[in-house]
């Protein structure tokens, strides 16, 4: 892994870089929250209605040749980004 050194020319450049990094961290934090929310919804649905959840969501993916891990990843992604 390379170590990157950033040479900043002034206070304005430092401020711009700081702003960009903060925005990026906020986006990543928001995406993480959405992913956790999607997982929570999937776990709740699978716990409350396990047979129905498996029949409607998991079984078709398994029958299409996906592994269980891949099926759940796809379900999370679909819940996270529905369209």
PDB file of N, CA and C in Angstrom:
ATOM      1  N   UNK A   1       0.835  -1.173   0.000  1.00  0.00           N
ATOM      2  CA  UNK A   1       0.000   0.000   0.000  1.00  0.00           C
ATOM      3  C   UNK A   1       0.881   1.239   0.000  1.00  0.00           C
ATOM      4  N   UNK A   2       0.558   2.162  -0.845  1.00  0.00           N
ATOM      5  CA  UNK A   2       1.355   3.374  -0.936  1.00  0.00           C
ATOM      6  C   UNK A   2       0.913   4.382   0.107  1.00  0.00           C
ATOM      7  N   UNK A   3       1.876   5.103   0.602  1.00  0.00           N
ATOM      8  CA  UNK A   3       1.570   6.229   1.473  1.00  0.00           C
ATOM      9  C   UNK A   3       1.484   7.466   0.594  1.00  0.00           C
ATOM     10  N   UNK A   4       0.368   8.138   0.678  1.00  0.00           N
ATOM     11  CA  UNK A   4       0.180   9.347  -0.117  1.00  0.00           C
ATOM     12  C   UNK A   4       0.397  10.558   0.770  1.00  0.00           C
ATOM     13  N   UNK A   5       1.187  11.462   0.273  1.00  0.00           N
ATOM     14  CA  UNK A   5       1.387  12.714   0.990  1.00  0.00           C
ATOM     15  C   UNK A   5       0.749  13.822   0.172  1.00  0.00           C
ATOM     16  N   UNK A   6      -0.012  14.616   0.840  1.00  0.00           N
ATOM     17  CA  UNK A   6      -0.690  15.721   0.182  1.00  0.00           C
ATOM     18  C   UNK A   6       0.032  17.006   0.561  1.00  0.00           C
ATOM     19  N   UNK A   7       0.437  17.712  -0.448  1.00  0.00           N
ATOM     20  CA  UNK A   7       1.089  18.995  -0.202  1.00  0.00           C
ATOM     21  C   UNK A   7       0.085  20.095  -0.493  1.00  0.00           C
ATOM     22  N   UNK A   8      -0.294  20.777   0.530  1.00  0.00           N
ATOM     23  CA  UNK A   8      -1.285  21.832   0.404  1.00  0.00           C
ATOM     24  C   UNK A   8      -0.577  23.180   0.270  1.00  0.00           C
ATOM     25  N   UNK A   9      -1.113  24.000  -0.609  1.00  0.00           N
ATOM     26  CA  UNK A   9      -0.463  25.278  -0.900  1.00  0.00           C
ATOM     27  C   UNK A   9      -0.937  26.411  -0.005  1.00  0.00           C
ATOM     28  N   UNK A  10      -2.048  26.208   0.645  1.00  0.00           N
ATOM     29  CA  UNK A  10      -2.514  27.301   1.491  1.00  0.00           C
ATOM     30  C   UNK A  10      -3.724  26.920   2.309  1.00  0.00           C
ATOM     31  N   UNK A  11      -4.190  27.888   3.066  1.00  0.00           N
ATOM     32  CA  UNK A  11      -5.321  27.676   3.960  1.00  0.00           C
ATOM     33  C   UNK A  11      -6.600  27.361   3.188  1.00  0.00           C
ATOM     34  N   UNK A  12      -6.774  27.980   2.028  1.00  0.00           N
ATOM     35  CA  UNK A  12      -7.972  27.742   1.217  1.00  0.00           C
ATOM     36  C   UNK A  12      -8.008  26.293   0.737  1.00  0.00           C
ATOM     37  N   UNK A  13      -6.866  25.783   0.295  1.00  0.00           N
ATOM     38  CA  UNK A  13      -6.790  24.391  -0.152  1.00  0.00           C
ATOM     39  C   UNK A  13      -7.067  23.437   1.004  1.00  0.00           C
ATOM     40  N   UNK A  14      -6.563  23.741   2.170  1.00  0.00           N
ATOM     41  CA  UNK A  14      -6.804  22.922   3.355  1.00  0.00           C
ATOM     42  C   UNK A  14      -8.285  22.910   3.693  1.00  0.00           C
ATOM     43  N   UNK A  15      -8.905  24.065   3.616  1.00  0.00           N
ATOM     44  CA  UNK A  15     -10.334  24.175   3.905  1.00  0.00           C
ATOM     45  C   UNK A  15     -11.168  23.381   2.898  1.00  0.00           C
ATOM     46  N   UNK A  16     -10.794  23.457   1.625  1.00  0.00           N
ATOM     47  CA  UNK A  16     -11.509  22.724   0.582  1.00  0.00           C
ATOM     48  C   UNK A  16     -11.376  21.223   0.801  1.00  0.00           C
ATOM     49  N   UNK A  17     -10.171  20.765   1.084  1.00  0.00           N
ATOM     50  CA  UNK A  17      -9.940  19.346   1.326  1.00  0.00           C
ATOM     51  C   UNK A  17     -10.717  18.874   2.547  1.00  0.00           C
ATOM     52  N   UNK A  18     -10.724  19.666   3.597  1.00  0.00           N
ATOM     53  CA  UNK A  18     -11.453  19.339   4.814  1.00  0.00           C
ATOM     54  C   UNK A  18     -12.947  19.190   4.516  1.00  0.00           C
ATOM     55  N   UNK A  19     -13.485  20.120   3.738  1.00  0.00           N
ATOM     56  CA  UNK A  19     -14.904  20.085   3.391  1.00  0.00           C
ATOM     57  C   UNK A  19     -15.237  18.828   2.572  1.00  0.00           C
ATOM     58  N   UNK A  20     -14.391  18.505   1.600  1.00  0.00           N
ATOM     59  CA  UNK A  20     -14.608  17.324   0.764  1.00  0.00           C
ATOM     60  C   UNK A  20     -14.572  16.039   1.589  1.00  0.00           C
ATOM     61  N   UNK A  21     -13.619  15.950   2.495  1.00  0.00           N
ATOM     62  CA  UNK A  21     -13.506  14.750   3.334  1.00  0.00           C
ATOM     63  C   UNK A  21     -14.704  14.601   4.269  1.00  0.00           C
ATOM     64  N   UNK A  22     -15.161  15.703   4.838  1.00  0.00           N
ATOM     65  CA  UNK A  22     -16.334  15.655   5.719  1.00  0.00           C
ATOM     66  C   UNK A  22     -17.583  15.221   4.951  1.00  0.00           C
ATOM     67  N   UNK A  23     -17.763  15.745   3.743  1.00  0.00           N
ATOM     68  CA  UNK A  23     -18.915  15.353   2.924  1.00  0.00           C
ATOM     69  C   UNK A  23     -18.857  13.868   2.576  1.00  0.00           C
ATOM     70  N   UNK A  24     -17.681  13.387   2.237  1.00  0.00           N
ATOM     71  CA  UNK A  24     -17.521  11.970   1.909  1.00  0.00           C
ATOM     72  C   UNK A  24     -17.840  11.085   3.113  1.00  0.00           C
ATOM     73  N   UNK A  25     -17.346  11.469   4.261  1.00  0.00           N
ATOM     74  CA  UNK A  25     -17.628  10.691   5.475  1.00  0.00           C
ATOM     75  C   UNK A  25     -19.116  10.703   5.813  1.00  0.00           C
ATOM     76  N   UNK A  26     -19.780  11.826   5.603  1.00  0.00           N
ATOM     77  CA  UNK A  26     -21.219  11.898   5.864  1.00  0.00           C
ATOM     78  C   UNK A  26     -21.985  10.984   4.912  1.00  0.00           C
ATOM     79  N   UNK A  27     -21.590  10.952   3.631  1.00  0.00           N
ATOM     80  CA  UNK A  27     -22.251  10.067   2.671  1.00  0.00           C
ATOM     81  C   UNK A  27     -22.060   8.606   3.052  1.00  0.00           C
ATOM     82  N   UNK A  28     -20.829   8.256   3.425  1.00  0.00           N
ATOM     83  CA  UNK A  28     -20.555   6.876   3.817  1.00  0.00           C
ATOM     84  C   UNK A  28     -21.330   6.486   5.067  1.00  0.00           C
ATOM     85  N   UNK A  29     -21.442   7.398   6.008  1.00  0.00           N
ATOM     86  CA  UNK A  29     -22.209   7.128   7.225  1.00  0.00           C
ATOM     87  C   UNK A  29     -23.686   6.922   6.897  1.00  0.00           C
ATOM     88  N   UNK A  30     -24.217   7.738   6.002  1.00  0.00           N
ATOM     89  CA  UNK A  30     -25.615   7.609   5.602  1.00  0.00           C
ATOM     90  C   UNK A  30     -25.856   6.276   4.888  1.00  0.00           C
ATOM     91  N   UNK A  31     -24.950   5.895   3.997  1.00  0.00           N
ATOM     92  CA  UNK A  31     -25.078   4.612   3.299  1.00  0.00           C
ATOM     93  C   UNK A  31     -25.030   3.447   4.278  1.00  0.00           C
ATOM     94  N   UNK A  32     -24.175   3.545   5.283  1.00  0.00           N
ATOM     95  CA  UNK A  32     -24.087   2.497   6.295  1.00  0.00           C
ATOM     96  C   UNK A  32     -25.390   2.397   7.077  1.00  0.00           C
ATOM     97  N   UNK A  33     -25.967   3.544   7.427  1.00  0.00           N
ATOM     98  CA  UNK A  33     -27.254   3.533   8.136  1.00  0.00           C
ATOM     99  C   UNK A  33     -28.340   2.885   7.293  1.00  0.00           C
ATOM    100  N   UNK A  34     -28.373   3.207   5.989  1.00  0.00           N
ATOM    101  CA  UNK A  34     -29.375   2.617   5.096  1.00  0.00           C
ATOM    102  C   UNK A  34     -29.190   1.110   5.005  1.00  0.00           C
ATOM    103  N   UNK A  35     -27.944   0.674   4.916  1.00  0.00           N
ATOM    104  CA  UNK A  35     -27.669  -0.752   4.827  1.00  0.00           C
ATOM    105  C   UNK A  35     -28.123  -1.464   6.102  1.00  0.00           C
ATOM    106  N   UNK A  36     -27.847  -0.887   7.245  1.00  0.00           N
ATOM    107  CA  UNK A  36     -28.289  -1.483   8.510  1.00  0.00           C
ATOM    108  C   UNK A  36     -29.805  -1.509   8.614  1.00  0.00           C
ATOM    109  N   UNK A  37     -30.452  -0.463   8.118  1.00  0.00           N
ATOM    110  CA  UNK A  37     -31.911  -0.417   8.118  1.00  0.00           C
ATOM    111  C   UNK A  37     -32.477  -1.518   7.213  1.00  0.00           C
ATOM    112  N   UNK A  38     -31.850  -1.713   6.063  1.00  0.00           N
ATOM    113  CA  UNK A  38     -32.292  -2.763   5.148  1.00  0.00           C
ATOM    114  C   UNK A  38     -32.125  -4.136   5.785  1.00  0.00           C
ATOM    115  N   UNK A  39     -30.990  -4.364   6.422  1.00  0.00           N
ATOM    116  CA  UNK A  39     -30.758  -5.639   7.103  1.00  0.00           C
ATOM    117  C   UNK A  39     -31.774  -5.861   8.216  1.00  0.00           C
ATOM    118  N   UNK A  40     -32.063  -4.811   8.969  1.00  0.00           N
ATOM    119  CA  UNK A  40     -33.041  -4.918  10.048  1.00  0.00           C
ATOM    120  C   UNK A  40     -34.408  -5.317   9.499  1.00  0.00           C
ATOM    121  N   UNK A  41     -34.794  -4.713   8.393  1.00  0.00           N
ATOM    122  CA  UNK A  41     -36.083  -5.030   7.783  1.00  0.00           C
ATOM    123  C   UNK A  41     -36.107  -6.484   7.307  1.00  0.00           C
ATOM    124  N   UNK A  42     -35.037  -6.913   6.664  1.00  0.00           N
ATOM    125  CA  UNK A  42     -34.962  -8.302   6.181  1.00  0.00           C
ATOM    126  C   UNK A  42     -35.020  -9.281   7.353  1.00  0.00           C
ATOM    127  N   UNK A  43     -34.266  -8.998   8.413  1.00  0.00           N
ATOM    128  CA  UNK A  43     -34.277  -9.899   9.566  1.00  0.00           C
ATOM    129  C   UNK A  43     -35.646  -9.932  10.234  1.00  0.00           C
ATOM    130  N   UNK A  44     -36.286  -8.773  10.322  1.00  0.00           N
ATOM    131  CA  UNK A  44     -37.617  -8.714  10.934  1.00  0.00           C
ATOM    132  C   UNK A  44     -38.621  -9.523  10.121  1.00  0.00           C
ATOM    133  N   UNK A  45     -38.620  -9.308   8.804  1.00  0.00           N
ATOM    134  CA  UNK A  45     -39.548 -10.047   7.948  1.00  0.00           C
ATOM    135  C   UNK A  45     -39.275 -11.547   7.995  1.00  0.00           C
ATOM    136  N   UNK A  46     -38.005 -11.919   7.976  1.00  0.00           N
ATOM    137  CA  UNK A  46     -37.684 -13.351   7.991  1.00  0.00           C
ATOM    138  C   UNK A  46     -38.006 -13.984   9.345  1.00  0.00           C
ATOM    139  N   UNK A  47     -37.939 -13.188  10.413  1.00  0.00           N
ATOM    140  CA  UNK A  47     -38.270 -13.711  11.750  1.00  0.00           C
ATOM    141  C   UNK A  47     -39.777 -13.811  11.949  1.00  0.00           C
ATOM    142  N   UNK A  48     -40.503 -12.773  11.516  1.00  0.00           N
ATOM    143  CA  UNK A  48     -41.947 -12.740  11.740  1.00  0.00           C
ATOM    144  C   UNK A  48     -42.703 -13.689  10.804  1.00  0.00           C
ATOM    145  N   UNK A  49     -42.241 -13.817   9.588  1.00  0.00           N
ATOM    146  CA  UNK A  49     -42.910 -14.660   8.585  1.00  0.00           C
ATOM    147  C   UNK A  49     -41.881 -15.517   7.851  1.00  0.00           C
ATOM    148  N   UNK A  50     -41.223 -16.439   8.551  1.00  0.00           N
ATOM    149  CA  UNK A  50     -40.111 -17.174   7.937  1.00  0.00           C
ATOM    150  C   UNK A  50     -40.493 -17.993   6.710  1.00  0.00           C
ATOM    151  N   UNK A  51     -41.609 -18.693   6.755  1.00  0.00           N
ATOM    152  CA  UNK A  51     -41.994 -19.525   5.610  1.00  0.00           C
ATOM    153  C   UNK A  51     -42.331 -18.675   4.392  1.00  0.00           C
ATOM    154  N   UNK A  52     -43.109 -17.653   4.617  1.00  0.00           N
ATOM    155  CA  UNK A  52     -43.498 -16.766   3.522  1.00  0.00           C
ATOM    156  C   UNK A  52     -42.274 -16.049   2.949  1.00  0.00           C
ATOM    157  N   UNK A  53     -41.393 -15.566   3.812  1.00  0.00           N
ATOM    158  CA  UNK A  53     -40.189 -14.870   3.379  1.00  0.00           C
ATOM    159  C   UNK A  53     -39.316 -15.795   2.528  1.00  0.00           C
ATOM    160  N   UNK A  54     -39.124 -17.011   3.008  1.00  0.00           N
ATOM    161  CA  UNK A  54     -38.298 -17.967   2.275  1.00  0.00           C
ATOM    162  C   UNK A  54     -38.932 -18.307   0.923  1.00  0.00           C
ATOM    163  N   UNK A  55     -40.221 -18.541   0.932  1.00  0.00           N
ATOM    164  CA  UNK A  55     -40.923 -18.928  -0.296  1.00  0.00           C
ATOM    165  C   UNK A  55     -40.904 -17.812  -1.345  1.00  0.00           C
ATOM    166  N   UNK A  56     -41.135 -16.586  -0.904  1.00  0.00           N
ATOM    167  CA  UNK A  56     -41.237 -15.474  -1.850  1.00  0.00           C
ATOM    168  C   UNK A  56     -39.891 -14.887  -2.277  1.00  0.00           C
ATOM    169  N   UNK A  57     -38.921 -14.885  -1.378  1.00  0.00           N
ATOM    170  CA  UNK A  57     -37.691 -14.160  -1.657  1.00  0.00           C
ATOM    171  C   UNK A  57     -36.451 -15.036  -1.800  1.00  0.00           C
ATOM    172  N   UNK A  58     -36.271 -15.963  -0.915  1.00  0.00           N
ATOM    173  CA  UNK A  58     -35.026 -16.737  -0.912  1.00  0.00           C
ATOM    174  C   UNK A  58     -35.080 -17.904  -1.889  1.00  0.00           C
ATOM    175  N   UNK A  59     -36.142 -18.663  -1.852  1.00  0.00           N
ATOM    176  CA  UNK A  59     -36.246 -19.869  -2.680  1.00  0.00           C
ATOM    177  C   UNK A  59     -36.051 -19.585  -4.179  1.00  0.00           C
ATOM    178  N   UNK A  60     -36.699 -18.571  -4.747  1.00  0.00           N
ATOM    179  CA  UNK A  60     -36.476 -18.310  -6.178  1.00  0.00           C
ATOM    180  C   UNK A  60     -35.013 -18.011  -6.524  1.00  0.00           C
ATOM    181  N   UNK A  61     -34.326 -17.328  -5.634  1.00  0.00           N
ATOM    182  CA  UNK A  61     -32.921 -17.029  -5.880  1.00  0.00           C
ATOM    183  C   UNK A  61     -32.052 -18.283  -5.790  1.00  0.00           C
ATOM    184  N   UNK A  62     -32.361 -19.127  -4.818  1.00  0.00           N
ATOM    185  CA  UNK A  62     -31.627 -20.389  -4.688  1.00  0.00           C
ATOM    186  C   UNK A  62     -31.884 -21.289  -5.900  1.00  0.00           C
ATOM    187  N   UNK A  63     -33.120 -21.310  -6.369  1.00  0.00           N
ATOM    188  CA  UNK A  63     -33.456 -22.128  -7.537  1.00  0.00           C
ATOM    189  C   UNK A  63     -32.786 -21.598  -8.808  1.00  0.00           C
ATOM    190  N   UNK A  64     -32.476 -20.314  -8.829  1.00  0.00           N
ATOM    191  CA  UNK A  64     -31.784 -19.723  -9.971  1.00  0.00           C
ATOM    192  C   UNK A  64     -30.284 -20.002  -9.928  1.00  0.00           C
ATOM    193  N   UNK A  65     -29.847 -20.682  -8.866  1.00  0.00           N
ATOM    194  CA  UNK A  65     -28.441 -21.079  -8.783  1.00  0.00           C
ATOM    195  C   UNK A  65     -27.578 -20.221  -7.878  1.00  0.00           C
ATOM    196  N   UNK A  66     -28.183 -19.309  -7.155  1.00  0.00           N
ATOM    197  CA  UNK A  66     -27.403 -18.452  -6.259  1.00  0.00           C
ATOM    198  C   UNK A  66     -27.127 -19.179  -4.946  1.00  0.00           C
ATOM    199  N   UNK A  67     -26.036 -18.807  -4.332  1.00  0.00           N
ATOM    200  CA  UNK A  67     -25.750 -19.323  -2.995  1.00  0.00           C
ATOM    201  C   UNK A  67     -26.601 -18.543  -2.002  1.00  0.00           C
ATOM    202  N   UNK A  68     -26.714 -19.049  -0.801  1.00  0.00           N
ATOM    203  CA  UNK A  68     -27.503 -18.373   0.220  1.00  0.00           C
ATOM    204  C   UNK A  68     -26.917 -17.000   0.530  1.00  0.00           C
ATOM    205  N   UNK A  69     -25.586 -16.915   0.623  1.00  0.00           N
ATOM    206  CA  UNK A  69     -24.943 -15.621   0.879  1.00  0.00           C
ATOM    207  C   UNK A  69     -25.233 -14.628  -0.239  1.00  0.00           C
ATOM    208  N   UNK A  70     -25.126 -15.089  -1.473  1.00  0.00           N
ATOM    209  CA  UNK A  70     -25.385 -14.212  -2.618  1.00  0.00           C
ATOM    210  C   UNK A  70     -26.847 -13.773  -2.646  1.00  0.00           C
ATOM    211  N   UNK A  71     -27.743 -14.686  -2.296  1.00  0.00           N
ATOM    212  CA  UNK A  71     -29.167 -14.350  -2.270  1.00  0.00           C
ATOM    213  C   UNK A  71     -29.452 -13.255  -1.245  1.00  0.00           C
ATOM    214  N   UNK A  72     -28.903 -13.388  -0.041  1.00  0.00           N
ATOM    215  CA  UNK A  72     -29.124 -12.371   0.973  1.00  0.00           C
ATOM    216  C   UNK A  72     -28.455 -11.054   0.594  1.00  0.00           C
ATOM    217  N   UNK A  73     -27.297 -11.126  -0.030  1.00  0.00           N
ATOM    218  CA  UNK A  73     -26.644  -9.895  -0.487  1.00  0.00           C
ATOM    219  C   UNK A  73     -27.510  -9.178  -1.514  1.00  0.00           C
ATOM    220  N   UNK A  74     -28.091  -9.937  -2.413  1.00  0.00           N
ATOM    221  CA  UNK A  74     -28.971  -9.354  -3.419  1.00  0.00           C
ATOM    222  C   UNK A  74     -30.228  -8.758  -2.783  1.00  0.00           C
ATOM    223  N   UNK A  75     -30.770  -9.444  -1.794  1.00  0.00           N
ATOM    224  CA  UNK A  75     -31.947  -8.917  -1.095  1.00  0.00           C
ATOM    225  C   UNK A  75     -31.622  -7.610  -0.368  1.00  0.00           C
ATOM    226  N   UNK A  76     -30.462  -7.565   0.257  1.00  0.00           N
ATOM    227  CA  UNK A  76     -30.050  -6.344   0.947  1.00  0.00           C
ATOM    228  C   UNK A  76     -29.876  -5.216  -0.066  1.00  0.00           C
ATOM    229  N   UNK A  77     -29.202  -5.503  -1.163  1.00  0.00           N
ATOM    230  CA  UNK A  77     -28.985  -4.487  -2.193  1.00  0.00           C
ATOM    231  C   UNK A  77     -30.312  -4.012  -2.776  1.00  0.00           C
ATOM    232  N   UNK A  78     -31.238  -4.939  -2.996  1.00  0.00           N
ATOM    233  CA  UNK A  78     -32.548  -4.571  -3.524  1.00  0.00           C
ATOM    234  C   UNK A  78     -33.339  -3.737  -2.545  1.00  0.00           C
ATOM    235  N   UNK A  79     -33.179  -4.006  -1.287  1.00  0.00           N
ATOM    236  CA  UNK A  79     -33.867  -3.215  -0.259  1.00  0.00           C
ATOM    237  C   UNK A  79     -33.211  -1.857  -0.103  1.00  0.00           C
ATOM    238  N   UNK A  80     -31.884  -1.852  -0.254  1.00  0.00           N
ATOM    239  CA  UNK A  80     -31.095  -0.636  -0.095  1.00  0.00           C
ATOM    240  C   UNK A  80     -31.309   0.315  -1.272  1.00  0.00           C
ATOM    241  N   UNK A  81     -31.352  -0.248  -2.475  1.00  0.00           N
ATOM    242  CA  UNK A  81     -31.552   0.534  -3.705  1.00  0.00           C
ATOM    243  C   UNK A  81     -32.647  -0.126  -4.519  1.00  0.00           C
ATOM    244  N   UNK A  82     -33.897   0.135  -4.191  1.00  0.00           N
ATOM    245  CA  UNK A  82     -35.010  -0.618  -4.769  1.00  0.00           C
ATOM    246  C   UNK A  82     -35.170  -0.506  -6.281  1.00  0.00           C
ATOM    247  N   UNK A  83     -34.808   0.564  -6.889  1.00  0.00           N
ATOM    248  CA  UNK A  83     -34.988   0.679  -8.343  1.00  0.00           C
ATOM    249  C   UNK A  83     -33.698   0.986  -8.949  1.00  0.00           C
TER     250      UNK A  83
END
